[in-house]
Structures are given as structure tokens and as C-alpha cells.
Amino acid sequence: MLRWLGFAALGVAGAAALVYVGDWAVFYARGKPQDQIQVTRYMATPLKGHKTEYFYEGTQMTPCAQALFPQDGMDACWYRKRHPLYSENL
């Protein structure tokens, strides 16, 4: 039984690697397609008592990759559209 679980885990890991490599190949074959998404930026500062203070920094356009996974140092556009808040920690 343990042997079959090992084969199943190896198969899942191999399939995930193939999907990522395929996404990377399509991304570069299409010429690194990018888009711009408007995000709201906040700066998070830790305070005493395990509290955090947030400072609004405004909105800005952020580049994103037209791919399934983050590529070329950019988040995927589908992810950035669903998570438009961007927070930086000090």
C-alpha cells in the first residue's frame, strides 16, 4: 500500500512539473505577454503588542504575466485581478 502511495505522489509531482514547464514554454513562445493591473498599495508597520498599522500608499498600475503561474518575476494576471490589494512589510 505504501508503495502505491509513493507512486501516486511521484505521479502528481511529475504532472505538476509538466504543467509548469508547459506554461513556461507557452509564455516564452508567445513573446512574454504582459498586462497592467491596477492595485491598491499599503505599507504594514509592526507595533508593540503584536499590532500592525497600515498606511495607504495609493493605487498604481502593476505589470503581470498572462500565464497560469508567476513567470519572469511577475504575478499571474488572473491572481492579481482576484487579489488587488498589495501590502509591503517594513
N, C-alpha and C. Protein backbone atom coordinates (compact mmCIF):
# COMPACT_ATOMS: atom_id res chain seq x y z
N MET A 1 0.82 -1.19 0.00
CA MET A 1 0.00 0.00 0.00
C MET A 1 0.86 1.26 0.00
N LEU A 2 1.93 1.26 0.82
CA LEU A 2 2.81 2.40 0.90
C LEU A 2 3.53 2.63 -0.43
N ARG A 3 3.82 1.55 -1.11
CA ARG A 3 4.48 1.65 -2.41
C ARG A 3 3.58 2.36 -3.42
N TRP A 4 2.28 2.06 -3.41
CA TRP A 4 1.34 2.70 -4.34
C TRP A 4 1.18 4.18 -4.02
N LEU A 5 1.19 4.52 -2.75
CA LEU A 5 1.12 5.94 -2.37
C LEU A 5 2.35 6.69 -2.85
N GLY A 6 3.51 6.04 -2.79
CA GLY A 6 4.74 6.66 -3.29
C GLY A 6 4.66 6.90 -4.79
N PHE A 7 4.13 5.91 -5.54
CA PHE A 7 3.97 6.08 -6.99
C PHE A 7 2.97 7.19 -7.31
N ALA A 8 1.90 7.25 -6.53
CA ALA A 8 0.88 8.29 -6.76
C ALA A 8 1.47 9.68 -6.49
N ALA A 9 2.24 9.82 -5.41
CA ALA A 9 2.87 11.11 -5.09
C ALA A 9 3.86 11.50 -6.18
N LEU A 10 4.62 10.55 -6.66
CA LEU A 10 5.57 10.81 -7.74
C LEU A 10 4.85 11.21 -9.01
N GLY A 11 3.72 10.58 -9.31
CA GLY A 11 2.94 10.93 -10.49
C GLY A 11 2.35 12.33 -10.41
N VAL A 12 1.85 12.69 -9.23
CA VAL A 12 1.30 14.04 -9.05
C VAL A 12 2.40 15.09 -9.18
N ALA A 13 3.56 14.84 -8.58
CA ALA A 13 4.68 15.77 -8.68
C ALA A 13 5.15 15.89 -10.13
N GLY A 14 5.21 14.78 -10.85
CA GLY A 14 5.61 14.82 -12.26
C GLY A 14 4.61 15.57 -13.12
N ALA A 15 3.32 15.38 -12.86
CA ALA A 15 2.30 16.10 -13.62
C ALA A 15 2.37 17.59 -13.36
N ALA A 16 2.58 17.98 -12.10
CA ALA A 16 2.71 19.40 -11.76
C ALA A 16 3.93 20.01 -12.44
N ALA A 17 5.03 19.28 -12.47
CA ALA A 17 6.23 19.79 -13.15
C ALA A 17 5.99 19.94 -14.65
N LEU A 18 5.30 19.00 -15.26
CA LEU A 18 5.00 19.11 -16.69
C LEU A 18 4.10 20.30 -17.00
N VAL A 19 3.11 20.55 -16.15
CA VAL A 19 2.22 21.69 -16.36
C VAL A 19 3.00 22.99 -16.24
N TYR A 20 3.89 23.09 -15.24
CA TYR A 20 4.68 24.32 -15.07
C TYR A 20 5.62 24.54 -16.25
N VAL A 21 6.31 23.49 -16.68
CA VAL A 21 7.23 23.62 -17.82
C VAL A 21 6.46 23.98 -19.08
N GLY A 22 5.28 23.39 -19.27
CA GLY A 22 4.45 23.74 -20.42
C GLY A 22 4.00 25.19 -20.37
N ASP A 23 3.62 25.68 -19.20
CA ASP A 23 3.22 27.07 -19.05
C ASP A 23 4.38 28.00 -19.35
N TRP A 24 5.58 27.64 -18.86
CA TRP A 24 6.77 28.44 -19.13
C TRP A 24 7.08 28.48 -20.63
N ALA A 25 6.98 27.33 -21.30
CA ALA A 25 7.28 27.27 -22.74
C ALA A 25 6.28 28.09 -23.54
N VAL A 26 5.01 28.01 -23.21
CA VAL A 26 3.99 28.79 -23.92
C VAL A 26 4.19 30.27 -23.65
N PHE A 27 4.53 30.64 -22.41
CA PHE A 27 4.76 32.05 -22.06
C PHE A 27 5.89 32.64 -22.90
N TYR A 28 7.01 31.93 -23.02
CA TYR A 28 8.13 32.44 -23.81
C TYR A 28 7.88 32.33 -25.32
N ALA A 29 7.12 31.33 -25.76
CA ALA A 29 6.82 31.20 -27.18
C ALA A 29 5.90 32.33 -27.64
N ARG A 30 5.05 32.81 -26.76
CA ARG A 30 4.14 33.92 -27.09
C ARG A 30 4.81 35.28 -26.96
N GLY A 31 6.09 35.33 -26.59
CA GLY A 31 6.81 36.59 -26.50
C GLY A 31 6.63 37.29 -25.17
N LYS A 32 6.50 36.56 -24.09
CA LYS A 32 6.34 37.11 -22.74
C LYS A 32 5.18 38.09 -22.65
N PRO A 33 3.95 37.65 -22.91
CA PRO A 33 2.81 38.58 -22.88
C PRO A 33 2.58 39.12 -21.47
N GLN A 34 2.39 40.44 -21.40
CA GLN A 34 2.17 41.11 -20.13
C GLN A 34 0.91 41.95 -20.21
N ASP A 35 0.43 42.32 -19.05
CA ASP A 35 -0.72 43.21 -18.93
C ASP A 35 -0.45 44.13 -17.76
N GLN A 36 -1.28 45.12 -17.57
CA GLN A 36 -1.18 46.04 -16.45
C GLN A 36 -2.45 45.94 -15.62
N ILE A 37 -2.32 45.76 -14.32
CA ILE A 37 -3.45 45.65 -13.41
C ILE A 37 -3.30 46.76 -12.36
N GLN A 38 -4.41 47.44 -12.06
CA GLN A 38 -4.38 48.48 -11.03
C GLN A 38 -4.52 47.83 -9.66
N VAL A 39 -3.55 48.10 -8.78
CA VAL A 39 -3.56 47.53 -7.44
C VAL A 39 -3.54 48.67 -6.41
N THR A 40 -4.07 48.38 -5.24
CA THR A 40 -4.05 49.32 -4.13
C THR A 40 -2.92 48.90 -3.20
N ARG A 41 -2.03 49.84 -2.91
CA ARG A 41 -0.84 49.52 -2.12
C ARG A 41 -1.00 50.02 -0.68
N TYR A 42 -0.54 49.19 0.25
CA TYR A 42 -0.50 49.52 1.67
C TYR A 42 0.88 49.16 2.21
N MET A 43 1.33 49.92 3.21
CA MET A 43 2.56 49.60 3.91
C MET A 43 2.18 49.16 5.31
N ALA A 44 2.66 48.01 5.74
CA ALA A 44 2.36 47.47 7.06
C ALA A 44 3.55 47.69 7.99
N THR A 45 3.29 48.28 9.15
CA THR A 45 4.33 48.53 10.13
C THR A 45 3.98 47.84 11.44
N PRO A 46 4.86 46.98 11.95
CA PRO A 46 4.56 46.32 13.23
C PRO A 46 4.67 47.30 14.39
N LEU A 47 3.76 47.17 15.34
CA LEU A 47 3.74 48.00 16.54
C LEU A 47 3.90 47.11 17.77
N LYS A 48 3.95 47.74 18.91
CA LYS A 48 4.02 46.98 20.16
C LYS A 48 2.72 46.23 20.39
N GLY A 49 2.78 45.19 21.17
CA GLY A 49 1.58 44.43 21.49
C GLY A 49 1.07 43.59 20.34
N HIS A 50 1.94 43.20 19.42
CA HIS A 50 1.58 42.37 18.27
C HIS A 50 0.48 43.00 17.42
N LYS A 51 0.53 44.32 17.28
CA LYS A 51 -0.43 45.04 16.43
C LYS A 51 0.28 45.49 15.17
N THR A 52 -0.50 45.81 14.16
CA THR A 52 0.04 46.28 12.90
C THR A 52 -0.70 47.53 12.46
N GLU A 53 0.05 48.52 12.01
CA GLU A 53 -0.55 49.74 11.48
C GLU A 53 -0.35 49.74 9.96
N TYR A 54 -1.41 50.08 9.22
CA TYR A 54 -1.37 50.09 7.77
C TYR A 54 -1.41 51.52 7.26
N PHE A 55 -0.54 51.84 6.30
CA PHE A 55 -0.51 53.16 5.69
C PHE A 55 -0.92 53.01 4.22
N TYR A 56 -1.92 53.77 3.81
CA TYR A 56 -2.40 53.75 2.43
C TYR A 56 -1.40 54.48 1.55
N GLU A 57 -0.96 53.85 0.49
CA GLU A 57 0.02 54.45 -0.42
C GLU A 57 -0.57 54.78 -1.78
N GLY A 58 -1.85 54.56 -1.97
CA GLY A 58 -2.49 54.89 -3.24
C GLY A 58 -2.59 53.70 -4.17
N THR A 59 -3.02 54.00 -5.39
CA THR A 59 -3.14 52.95 -6.39
C THR A 59 -2.07 53.14 -7.46
N GLN A 60 -1.69 52.06 -8.09
CA GLN A 60 -0.73 52.14 -9.19
C GLN A 60 -0.94 50.96 -10.12
N MET A 61 -0.46 51.10 -11.31
CA MET A 61 -0.52 50.03 -12.30
C MET A 61 0.69 49.11 -12.09
N THR A 62 0.44 47.81 -12.04
CA THR A 62 1.48 46.82 -11.82
C THR A 62 1.49 45.83 -12.98
N PRO A 63 2.67 45.50 -13.51
CA PRO A 63 2.71 44.51 -14.60
C PRO A 63 2.41 43.11 -14.09
N CYS A 64 1.80 42.31 -14.94
CA CYS A 64 1.51 40.92 -14.60
C CYS A 64 1.71 40.07 -15.86
N ALA A 65 1.91 38.78 -15.64
CA ALA A 65 2.18 37.84 -16.72
C ALA A 65 0.89 37.14 -17.13
N GLN A 66 0.64 37.03 -18.44
CA GLN A 66 -0.51 36.29 -18.97
C GLN A 66 -0.14 34.81 -19.00
N ALA A 67 -0.19 34.18 -17.82
CA ALA A 67 0.19 32.77 -17.69
C ALA A 67 -0.55 32.16 -16.52
N LEU A 68 -0.43 30.84 -16.37
CA LEU A 68 -1.06 30.15 -15.24
C LEU A 68 -0.29 30.35 -13.94
N PHE A 69 1.03 30.41 -14.03
CA PHE A 69 1.90 30.54 -12.88
C PHE A 69 2.68 31.84 -12.97
N PRO A 70 3.24 32.33 -11.86
CA PRO A 70 4.10 33.52 -11.93
C PRO A 70 5.28 33.24 -12.86
N GLN A 71 5.53 34.15 -13.78
CA GLN A 71 6.62 34.00 -14.74
C GLN A 71 7.39 35.31 -14.84
N ASP A 72 8.68 35.21 -15.05
CA ASP A 72 9.54 36.36 -15.30
C ASP A 72 9.49 37.39 -14.17
N GLY A 73 9.31 36.93 -12.93
CA GLY A 73 9.28 37.83 -11.78
C GLY A 73 7.98 38.57 -11.58
N MET A 74 6.93 38.22 -12.31
CA MET A 74 5.63 38.88 -12.20
C MET A 74 4.59 37.87 -11.75
N ASP A 75 3.58 38.36 -11.02
CA ASP A 75 2.45 37.52 -10.66
C ASP A 75 1.62 37.22 -11.90
N ALA A 76 0.87 36.14 -11.85
CA ALA A 76 -0.06 35.84 -12.94
C ALA A 76 -1.22 36.84 -12.90
N CYS A 77 -1.71 37.25 -14.07
CA CYS A 77 -2.76 38.26 -14.13
C CYS A 77 -4.05 37.79 -13.47
N TRP A 78 -4.40 36.51 -13.62
CA TRP A 78 -5.64 36.03 -13.01
C TRP A 78 -5.55 36.14 -11.50
N TYR A 79 -4.37 35.93 -10.93
CA TYR A 79 -4.20 36.03 -9.49
C TYR A 79 -4.25 37.49 -9.04
N ARG A 80 -3.58 38.36 -9.77
CA ARG A 80 -3.53 39.78 -9.40
C ARG A 80 -4.91 40.43 -9.51
N LYS A 81 -5.73 39.99 -10.48
CA LYS A 81 -7.10 40.53 -10.59
C LYS A 81 -7.95 40.13 -9.40
N ARG A 82 -7.74 38.95 -8.86
CA ARG A 82 -8.52 38.48 -7.71
C ARG A 82 -7.99 39.00 -6.39
N HIS A 83 -6.74 39.47 -6.36
CA HIS A 83 -6.11 39.99 -5.14
C HIS A 83 -5.53 41.38 -5.44
N PRO A 84 -6.39 42.41 -5.55
CA PRO A 84 -5.91 43.73 -5.96
C PRO A 84 -5.23 44.53 -4.84
N LEU A 85 -5.21 44.03 -3.61
CA LEU A 85 -4.54 44.72 -2.52
C LEU A 85 -3.11 44.21 -2.42
N TYR A 86 -2.16 45.15 -2.35
CA TYR A 86 -0.75 44.78 -2.27
C TYR A 86 -0.17 45.41 -1.03
N SER A 87 0.40 44.61 -0.16
CA SER A 87 0.93 45.11 1.11
C SER A 87 2.42 44.81 1.20
N GLU A 88 3.18 45.78 1.67
CA GLU A 88 4.60 45.60 1.93
C GLU A 88 4.83 45.71 3.42
N ASN A 89 5.70 44.90 3.94
CA ASN A 89 6.04 44.94 5.36
C ASN A 89 7.36 45.67 5.55
N LEU A 90 7.44 46.44 6.62
CA LEU A 90 8.70 47.10 6.96
C LEU A 90 9.57 46.19 7.80
